[in-house]
Amino acid sequence: MNLQAIRAIYRFEMARTWRTVLQSIVSPVISTSLYFVVFGSAIGSRISEIDGISYGAFIVPGLIMLSLLTQSISNASFGIYFPKFSGTIYELLSAPVSYIEIVVSYVGAAASKSIILGLIILATAGLFVPLQIAHPFWMILFLLLTAVTFSLLGFIIGIWADNFEKLQFVPMLIVTPLTFLGGSFYSIKMLPPFWQTVTLFNPVVYLISGFRWSFYGIADVAVGISLGVTAAFLALFLAIVAWIFRTGYKLKN
């Protein structure tokens, strides 16, 4: 494996983040802080606790997951779309760099950005509410798996997209609504039985539930199922990326 090539692409992508730090880091952190202020104050005053956890602390894993999903997709999709848009991707494809090295570089950089942002939001949340992490290892594992998995999805979207509108379509119109309806701000056990069943068809429920369990030891679905769903998404997106490079979809013309 060409580690020098991976390092070069990775460092270039990370450098782009620091050049746009207001958009990449500061803006998501401020937006998440506003969620704490609005939901923690307005709704938290009416919902004191959920499963023995204060409402402000309960929503922290969901807010981190919301930022992690959207930023992973956005970082990876923009990262690979701009070389397509400018035409420099053909130089990359003709260079002595394998497809695996290209994916590792771009996805690794996107996942790194998202993890850094998630940790910053976690630290920021500690300023608003008392936090506890019951299972630190599993928290880091869910953070890593989710960031890599949805960075792969963003990479796929960046190759598929023909314009900037398509880049925003999936994160804004699909992922964000699914996250809001996936138990970010409530436990699905609070819903009527019918809607609990419907909600279980939302894949984001399993990601948020497993991540929240790593904090407080409570979950809407079994942790093993959450981990299995995350691994299944990872395998699916890896298979799609492999198919894209094998067939040259949207890359060879």
Protein backbone atom coordinates (compact mmCIF):
# COMPACT_ATOMS: atom_id res chain seq x y z
CA MET A 1 0.00 0.00 0.00
CA ASN A 2 1.29 3.45 -0.95
CA LEU A 3 1.34 5.13 2.47
CA GLN A 4 2.95 8.27 1.09
CA ALA A 5 0.05 8.81 -1.32
CA ILE A 6 -2.49 8.19 1.43
CA ARG A 7 -0.70 10.64 3.69
CA ALA A 8 -0.54 13.31 0.98
CA ILE A 9 -4.25 13.15 0.12
CA TYR A 10 -5.21 12.91 3.78
CA ARG A 11 -3.14 15.94 4.75
CA PHE A 12 -4.52 17.95 1.82
CA GLU A 13 -8.11 17.21 2.88
CA MET A 14 -7.41 17.99 6.53
CA ALA A 15 -5.70 21.26 5.55
CA ARG A 16 -8.86 22.28 3.70
CA THR A 17 -10.76 21.93 6.97
CA TRP A 18 -8.48 24.35 8.81
CA ARG A 19 -8.79 26.84 5.94
CA THR A 20 -12.57 26.81 6.41
CA VAL A 21 -12.64 26.36 10.18
CA LEU A 22 -15.64 28.68 10.66
CA GLN A 23 -17.79 26.57 8.34
CA SER A 24 -16.33 23.19 9.27
CA ILE A 25 -16.05 23.46 13.05
CA VAL A 26 -17.42 26.66 14.55
CA SER A 27 -20.78 26.69 12.75
CA PRO A 28 -21.83 23.10 13.68
CA VAL A 29 -20.76 23.65 17.30
CA ILE A 30 -22.80 26.86 17.57
CA SER A 31 -25.82 25.17 15.95
CA THR A 32 -25.62 22.27 18.39
CA SER A 33 -25.26 24.65 21.32
CA LEU A 34 -28.49 26.35 20.24
CA TYR A 35 -30.20 22.94 20.37
CA PHE A 36 -29.10 22.63 23.99
CA VAL A 37 -30.42 26.08 24.82
CA VAL A 38 -33.76 25.68 23.03
CA PHE A 39 -34.57 22.05 23.77
CA GLY A 40 -32.87 21.94 27.16
CA SER A 41 -34.67 25.04 28.40
CA ALA A 42 -38.02 24.88 26.61
CA ILE A 43 -38.70 21.15 26.61
CA GLY A 44 -36.42 20.26 29.52
CA SER A 45 -38.54 22.40 31.83
CA ARG A 46 -41.54 20.18 30.99
CA ILE A 47 -39.74 16.81 30.81
CA SER A 48 -37.63 16.45 33.92
CA GLU A 49 -36.21 12.95 33.29
CA ILE A 50 -36.28 10.07 30.83
CA ASP A 51 -35.32 6.67 32.25
CA GLY A 52 -33.75 8.43 35.23
CA ILE A 53 -31.60 10.73 33.05
CA SER A 54 -32.14 14.50 32.96
CA TYR A 55 -33.58 15.57 29.63
CA GLY A 56 -30.66 17.86 28.83
CA ALA A 57 -28.20 15.00 29.29
CA PHE A 58 -30.47 12.53 27.50
CA ILE A 59 -30.38 14.43 24.20
CA VAL A 60 -26.56 14.77 24.11
CA PRO A 61 -25.89 11.45 22.28
CA GLY A 62 -28.62 12.24 19.75
CA LEU A 63 -27.21 15.70 19.03
CA ILE A 64 -23.69 14.32 18.63
CA MET A 65 -25.02 11.63 16.29
CA LEU A 66 -26.96 14.23 14.28
CA SER A 67 -23.80 16.26 13.72
CA LEU A 68 -21.71 13.15 13.10
CA LEU A 69 -24.02 11.79 10.39
CA THR A 70 -24.51 15.05 8.52
CA GLN A 71 -20.88 16.18 8.75
CA SER A 72 -19.47 12.78 7.75
CA ILE A 73 -21.61 12.78 4.62
CA SER A 74 -20.92 16.43 3.78
CA ASN A 75 -17.16 16.22 4.33
CA ALA A 76 -16.72 13.11 2.21
CA SER A 77 -19.10 14.16 -0.57
CA PHE A 78 -17.54 17.60 -1.01
CA GLY A 79 -14.05 16.11 -0.77
CA ILE A 80 -14.50 13.84 -3.80
CA TYR A 81 -16.96 16.05 -5.71
CA PHE A 82 -14.60 19.01 -6.13
CA PRO A 83 -11.92 16.96 -7.96
CA LYS A 84 -14.71 15.76 -10.26
CA PHE A 85 -16.01 19.30 -10.70
CA SER A 86 -12.57 20.72 -11.51
CA GLY A 87 -11.44 17.73 -13.57
CA THR A 88 -8.43 16.96 -11.38
CA ILE A 89 -9.87 13.57 -10.47
CA TYR A 90 -8.58 12.18 -13.78
CA GLU A 91 -5.05 13.05 -12.73
CA LEU A 92 -5.66 11.16 -9.51
CA LEU A 93 -7.12 8.14 -11.32
CA SER A 94 -4.15 8.02 -13.71
CA ALA A 95 -1.59 8.31 -10.91
CA PRO A 96 0.06 5.19 -9.42
CA VAL A 97 -2.49 5.15 -6.61
CA SER A 98 -4.89 2.26 -6.12
CA TYR A 99 -8.62 2.65 -5.59
CA ILE A 100 -8.24 1.38 -2.03
CA GLU A 101 -5.72 4.11 -1.27
CA ILE A 102 -8.01 6.78 -2.72
CA VAL A 103 -10.94 5.60 -0.59
CA VAL A 104 -8.85 5.27 2.57
CA SER A 105 -7.48 8.81 2.09
CA TYR A 106 -10.75 10.62 1.44
CA VAL A 107 -12.91 8.60 3.81
CA GLY A 108 -10.25 8.69 6.52
CA ALA A 109 -10.00 12.48 6.30
CA ALA A 110 -13.78 12.93 6.34
CA ALA A 111 -14.17 10.57 9.30
CA SER A 112 -11.35 12.33 11.18
CA LYS A 113 -13.04 15.70 10.74
CA SER A 114 -16.36 14.33 11.96
CA ILE A 115 -14.82 12.63 14.99
CA ILE A 116 -12.97 15.82 15.97
CA LEU A 117 -16.24 17.75 15.65
CA GLY A 118 -18.11 15.11 17.67
CA LEU A 119 -15.56 15.31 20.49
CA ILE A 120 -15.73 19.12 20.48
CA ILE A 121 -19.52 18.95 20.73
CA LEU A 122 -19.20 16.42 23.55
CA ALA A 123 -16.88 18.78 25.43
CA THR A 124 -19.26 21.68 24.74
CA ALA A 125 -22.20 19.66 26.04
CA GLY A 126 -20.34 19.23 29.32
CA LEU A 127 -20.66 22.99 29.80
CA PHE A 128 -24.46 22.76 29.70
CA VAL A 129 -25.33 19.48 31.40
CA PRO A 130 -23.64 16.93 33.68
CA LEU A 131 -22.39 14.02 31.56
CA GLN A 132 -21.38 10.47 32.29
CA ILE A 133 -19.94 7.86 29.94
CA ALA A 134 -20.71 4.41 31.28
CA HIS A 135 -18.90 2.53 28.51
CA PRO A 136 -16.06 4.66 27.05
CA PHE A 137 -14.73 1.89 24.80
CA TRP A 138 -18.11 1.30 23.18
CA MET A 139 -18.69 5.04 22.87
CA ILE A 140 -15.44 5.41 20.88
CA LEU A 141 -16.27 2.31 18.83
CA PHE A 142 -19.73 3.59 17.86
CA LEU A 143 -18.20 6.99 17.09
CA LEU A 144 -15.55 5.48 14.80
CA LEU A 145 -17.89 3.03 13.06
CA THR A 146 -20.55 5.66 12.43
CA ALA A 147 -18.06 8.25 11.15
CA VAL A 148 -16.41 5.78 8.75
CA THR A 149 -19.70 4.29 7.59
CA PHE A 150 -21.35 7.58 6.72
CA SER A 151 -18.16 9.01 5.27
CA LEU A 152 -18.35 6.09 2.84
CA LEU A 153 -21.94 7.09 2.09
CA GLY A 154 -20.78 10.66 1.51
CA PHE A 155 -18.05 9.40 -0.83
CA ILE A 156 -20.71 7.54 -2.83
CA ILE A 157 -22.92 10.64 -2.96
CA GLY A 158 -19.99 12.79 -4.11
CA ILE A 159 -19.37 10.47 -7.05
CA TRP A 160 -23.08 10.18 -7.87
CA ALA A 161 -23.84 13.91 -7.67
CA ASP A 162 -23.83 16.01 -10.84
CA ASN A 163 -24.38 19.33 -9.09
CA PHE A 164 -24.32 21.00 -5.68
CA GLU A 165 -28.05 20.44 -5.14
CA LYS A 166 -27.58 16.67 -5.26
CA LEU A 167 -24.78 16.94 -2.72
CA GLN A 168 -27.22 18.44 -0.22
CA PHE A 169 -30.20 16.25 -1.11
CA VAL A 170 -29.38 13.16 0.97
CA PRO A 171 -28.03 14.82 4.15
CA MET A 172 -30.69 17.54 4.28
CA LEU A 173 -33.82 15.76 3.02
CA ILE A 174 -33.18 12.18 4.13
CA VAL A 175 -30.56 11.81 6.88
CA THR A 176 -31.53 14.84 8.98
CA PRO A 177 -35.28 14.01 9.11
CA LEU A 178 -34.49 10.36 9.89
CA THR A 179 -32.24 11.51 12.73
CA PHE A 180 -34.89 13.80 14.19
CA LEU A 181 -37.42 10.95 13.97
CA GLY A 182 -34.93 8.39 15.25
CA GLY A 183 -35.04 9.20 18.94
CA SER A 184 -32.56 12.08 19.09
CA PHE A 185 -34.78 14.09 21.41
CA TYR A 186 -36.97 11.39 22.92
CA SER A 187 -37.14 7.70 23.70
CA ILE A 188 -39.17 5.71 21.22
CA LYS A 189 -40.73 3.98 24.25
CA MET A 190 -42.66 7.22 24.77
CA LEU A 191 -44.52 6.62 21.48
CA PRO A 192 -47.76 4.64 21.06
CA PRO A 193 -47.17 0.94 20.22
CA PHE A 194 -48.00 1.37 16.52
CA TRP A 195 -45.51 4.21 16.06
CA GLN A 196 -42.87 2.33 18.03
CA THR A 197 -43.13 -0.44 15.44
CA VAL A 198 -42.99 2.04 12.55
CA THR A 199 -39.97 3.79 14.07
CA LEU A 200 -38.02 0.53 14.17
CA PHE A 201 -37.88 0.68 10.36
CA ASN A 202 -35.79 3.85 10.71
CA PRO A 203 -32.15 2.66 10.62
CA VAL A 204 -30.91 5.74 12.48
CA VAL A 205 -32.79 4.56 15.59
CA TYR A 206 -30.27 1.77 16.05
CA LEU A 207 -27.28 4.11 15.74
CA ILE A 208 -28.62 6.59 18.28
CA SER A 209 -29.82 3.87 20.65
CA GLY A 210 -26.43 2.12 20.72
CA PHE A 211 -24.57 5.40 21.13
CA ARG A 212 -26.85 6.50 23.99
CA TRP A 213 -26.34 3.13 25.69
CA SER A 214 -22.59 3.77 25.74
CA PHE A 215 -23.29 6.93 27.78
CA TYR A 216 -26.01 5.90 30.21
CA GLY A 217 -26.49 2.15 29.90
CA ILE A 218 -30.05 2.58 28.55
CA ALA A 219 -31.20 1.72 25.03
CA ASP A 220 -34.39 1.53 22.99
CA VAL A 221 -33.14 -1.59 21.18
CA ALA A 222 -30.59 -4.25 22.07
CA VAL A 223 -26.99 -3.06 21.80
CA GLY A 224 -25.98 -6.11 19.76
CA ILE A 225 -28.63 -5.24 17.18
CA SER A 226 -27.40 -1.63 17.04
CA LEU A 227 -23.85 -2.80 16.45
CA GLY A 228 -25.02 -5.30 13.84
CA VAL A 229 -26.99 -2.66 11.92
CA THR A 230 -23.98 -0.32 11.92
CA ALA A 231 -21.72 -3.13 10.64
CA ALA A 232 -24.30 -4.00 7.97
CA PHE A 233 -24.33 -0.40 6.72
CA LEU A 234 -20.53 -0.41 6.64
CA ALA A 235 -20.46 -3.62 4.59
CA LEU A 236 -23.15 -2.31 2.20
CA PHE A 237 -21.35 0.98 1.51
CA LEU A 238 -18.02 -0.80 1.06
CA ALA A 239 -19.65 -3.07 -1.52
CA ILE A 240 -21.11 -0.07 -3.38
CA VAL A 241 -17.74 1.73 -3.43
CA ALA A 242 -16.07 -1.43 -4.74
CA TRP A 243 -18.70 -1.67 -7.49
CA ILE A 244 -18.19 2.00 -8.44
CA PHE A 245 -14.48 1.55 -8.99
CA ARG A 246 -14.90 -1.80 -10.69
CA THR A 247 -17.38 -0.42 -13.22
CA GLY A 248 -16.07 3.15 -13.41
CA TYR A 249 -19.53 4.54 -12.63
CA LYS A 250 -19.48 8.36 -13.13
CA LEU A 251 -15.69 8.27 -13.18
CA LYS A 252 -14.69 7.13 -16.67
CA ASN A 253 -16.75 9.63 -18.60
